[in-house]
């Protein structure tokens, strides 16, 4: 339960390449997952100008882990597999 006391940052790249690959849809999907799982007090959803690795857009960073290739098609799966387990540990 202690792991849930610290606010964790979930950052979506909003740079040019990620914007073109619909980063806003990723933000919307993550926002919905945060709400659905009651994680508002524990996960802060943020935007970033560029996380690098533009060819692997959309880039997402959860705490210090970079997650490439996120899109509307897999954002929910990425949240369930990468974010949620670390919020519940």
C-alpha atoms as a PDB file:
ATOM      1  CA  UNK A   1       0.000   0.000   0.000  1.00  0.00           C
ATOM      2  CA  UNK A   2       2.950   2.342   0.581  1.00  0.00           C
ATOM      3  CA  UNK A   3       3.729   2.385  -3.171  1.00  0.00           C
ATOM      4  CA  UNK A   4       0.381   4.103  -3.801  1.00  0.00           C
ATOM      5  CA  UNK A   5       1.180   7.058  -1.525  1.00  0.00           C
ATOM      6  CA  UNK A   6       3.584   8.680  -3.996  1.00  0.00           C
ATOM      7  CA  UNK A   7       2.094  10.403  -7.042  1.00  0.00           C
ATOM      8  CA  UNK A   8       3.421   8.759 -10.222  1.00  0.00           C
ATOM      9  CA  UNK A   9       3.838  10.654 -13.480  1.00  0.00           C
ATOM     10  CA  UNK A  10       2.358   9.276 -16.698  1.00  0.00           C
ATOM     11  CA  UNK A  11       3.707  11.469 -19.496  1.00  0.00           C
ATOM     12  CA  UNK A  12       2.557  11.437 -23.109  1.00  0.00           C
ATOM     13  CA  UNK A  13       4.798  13.018 -25.739  1.00  0.00           C
ATOM     14  CA  UNK A  14       3.049  15.811 -27.643  1.00  0.00           C
ATOM     15  CA  UNK A  15       5.932  16.567 -30.039  1.00  0.00           C
ATOM     16  CA  UNK A  16       5.425  16.766 -33.792  1.00  0.00           C
ATOM     17  CA  UNK A  17       5.709  13.066 -34.663  1.00  0.00           C
ATOM     18  CA  UNK A  18       3.602  11.968 -31.701  1.00  0.00           C
ATOM     19  CA  UNK A  19       1.022  14.661 -32.384  1.00  0.00           C
ATOM     20  CA  UNK A  20       0.696  13.400 -35.961  1.00  0.00           C
ATOM     21  CA  UNK A  21       0.235   9.848 -34.657  1.00  0.00           C
ATOM     22  CA  UNK A  22      -2.709  11.048 -32.511  1.00  0.00           C
ATOM     23  CA  UNK A  23      -1.138  11.533 -29.090  1.00  0.00           C
ATOM     24  CA  UNK A  24      -4.357  13.241 -28.011  1.00  0.00           C
ATOM     25  CA  UNK A  25      -6.244   9.946 -28.405  1.00  0.00           C
ATOM     26  CA  UNK A  26      -3.657   8.326 -26.103  1.00  0.00           C
ATOM     27  CA  UNK A  27      -4.198  11.086 -23.535  1.00  0.00           C
ATOM     28  CA  UNK A  28      -7.970  10.549 -23.731  1.00  0.00           C
ATOM     29  CA  UNK A  29      -7.621   6.785 -23.318  1.00  0.00           C
ATOM     30  CA  UNK A  30      -5.242   7.131 -20.366  1.00  0.00           C
ATOM     31  CA  UNK A  31      -7.498   9.726 -18.722  1.00  0.00           C
ATOM     32  CA  UNK A  32     -10.420   7.314 -18.986  1.00  0.00           C
ATOM     33  CA  UNK A  33      -8.353   4.436 -17.548  1.00  0.00           C
ATOM     34  CA  UNK A  34      -7.150   6.563 -14.641  1.00  0.00           C
ATOM     35  CA  UNK A  35     -10.754   7.459 -13.806  1.00  0.00           C
ATOM     36  CA  UNK A  36     -12.073   3.935 -14.341  1.00  0.00           C
ATOM     37  CA  UNK A  37      -9.479   2.515 -11.956  1.00  0.00           C
ATOM     38  CA  UNK A  38      -9.833   5.268  -9.340  1.00  0.00           C
ATOM     39  CA  UNK A  39      -6.202   6.325  -9.695  1.00  0.00           C
ATOM     40  CA  UNK A  40      -6.668  10.109  -9.749  1.00  0.00           C
ATOM     41  CA  UNK A  41      -4.881  10.508  -6.376  1.00  0.00           C
ATOM     42  CA  UNK A  42      -1.972   8.328  -7.515  1.00  0.00           C
ATOM     43  CA  UNK A  43      -1.290   8.999 -11.226  1.00  0.00           C
ATOM     44  CA  UNK A  44      -0.655  12.433 -12.698  1.00  0.00           C
ATOM     45  CA  UNK A  45      -1.258  12.549 -16.471  1.00  0.00           C
ATOM     46  CA  UNK A  46       1.089  15.019 -18.150  1.00  0.00           C
ATOM     47  CA  UNK A  47       2.118  16.144 -21.609  1.00  0.00           C
ATOM     48  CA  UNK A  48       5.692  16.681 -22.760  1.00  0.00           C
ATOM     49  CA  UNK A  49       7.072  18.494 -25.773  1.00  0.00           C
ATOM     50  CA  UNK A  50       9.393  15.668 -26.892  1.00  0.00           C
ATOM     51  CA  UNK A  51      10.525  12.443 -25.275  1.00  0.00           C
ATOM     52  CA  UNK A  52      12.874  11.551 -28.149  1.00  0.00           C
ATOM     53  CA  UNK A  53      12.783   8.390 -30.251  1.00  0.00           C
ATOM     54  CA  UNK A  54      10.321  10.047 -32.608  1.00  0.00           C
ATOM     55  CA  UNK A  55      10.312   7.129 -35.050  1.00  0.00           C
ATOM     56  CA  UNK A  56       8.644   5.061 -32.299  1.00  0.00           C
ATOM     57  CA  UNK A  57       5.803   7.528 -31.750  1.00  0.00           C
ATOM     58  CA  UNK A  58       3.686   7.850 -29.677  1.00  0.00           C
ATOM     59  CA  UNK A  59       6.182   7.778 -26.809  1.00  0.00           C
ATOM     60  CA  UNK A  60       4.935   7.475 -23.254  1.00  0.00           C
ATOM     61  CA  UNK A  61       6.908   7.634 -20.037  1.00  0.00           C
ATOM     62  CA  UNK A  62       5.696   6.158 -16.775  1.00  0.00           C
ATOM     63  CA  UNK A  63       7.971   7.263 -13.969  1.00  0.00           C
ATOM     64  CA  UNK A  64      11.377   6.532 -15.551  1.00  0.00           C
ATOM     65  CA  UNK A  65      10.286   3.887 -18.076  1.00  0.00           C
ATOM     66  CA  UNK A  66       9.873   4.820 -21.746  1.00  0.00           C
ATOM     67  CA  UNK A  67       7.113   2.967 -23.588  1.00  0.00           C
ATOM     68  CA  UNK A  68       7.234   3.291 -27.412  1.00  0.00           C
ATOM     69  CA  UNK A  69       4.553   2.742 -30.026  1.00  0.00           C
ATOM     70  CA  UNK A  70       1.473   3.623 -28.014  1.00  0.00           C
ATOM     71  CA  UNK A  71      -1.623   4.531 -29.990  1.00  0.00           C
ATOM     72  CA  UNK A  72      -5.383   4.588 -29.703  1.00  0.00           C
ATOM     73  CA  UNK A  73      -5.362   0.920 -30.753  1.00  0.00           C
ATOM     74  CA  UNK A  74      -3.310  -0.254 -27.741  1.00  0.00           C
ATOM     75  CA  UNK A  75      -3.449   2.514 -25.106  1.00  0.00           C
ATOM     76  CA  UNK A  76      -5.835   0.595 -22.846  1.00  0.00           C
ATOM     77  CA  UNK A  77      -3.665  -2.542 -23.075  1.00  0.00           C
ATOM     78  CA  UNK A  78      -0.501  -0.532 -22.335  1.00  0.00           C
ATOM     79  CA  UNK A  79      -2.199   1.026 -19.315  1.00  0.00           C
ATOM     80  CA  UNK A  80      -3.359  -2.358 -18.021  1.00  0.00           C
ATOM     81  CA  UNK A  81       0.041  -4.035 -18.547  1.00  0.00           C
ATOM     82  CA  UNK A  82       2.519  -1.239 -17.787  1.00  0.00           C
ATOM     83  CA  UNK A  83       0.840   1.283 -15.509  1.00  0.00           C
ATOM     84  CA  UNK A  84      -1.772  -0.503 -13.442  1.00  0.00           C
ATOM     85  CA  UNK A  85       0.488  -3.235 -12.006  1.00  0.00           C
ATOM     86  CA  UNK A  86       2.955  -0.633 -10.720  1.00  0.00           C
ATOM     87  CA  UNK A  87       0.163   1.347  -9.089  1.00  0.00           C
ATOM     88  CA  UNK A  88      -1.119  -1.677  -7.234  1.00  0.00           C
ATOM     89  CA  UNK A  89       2.223  -3.009  -6.016  1.00  0.00           C
END
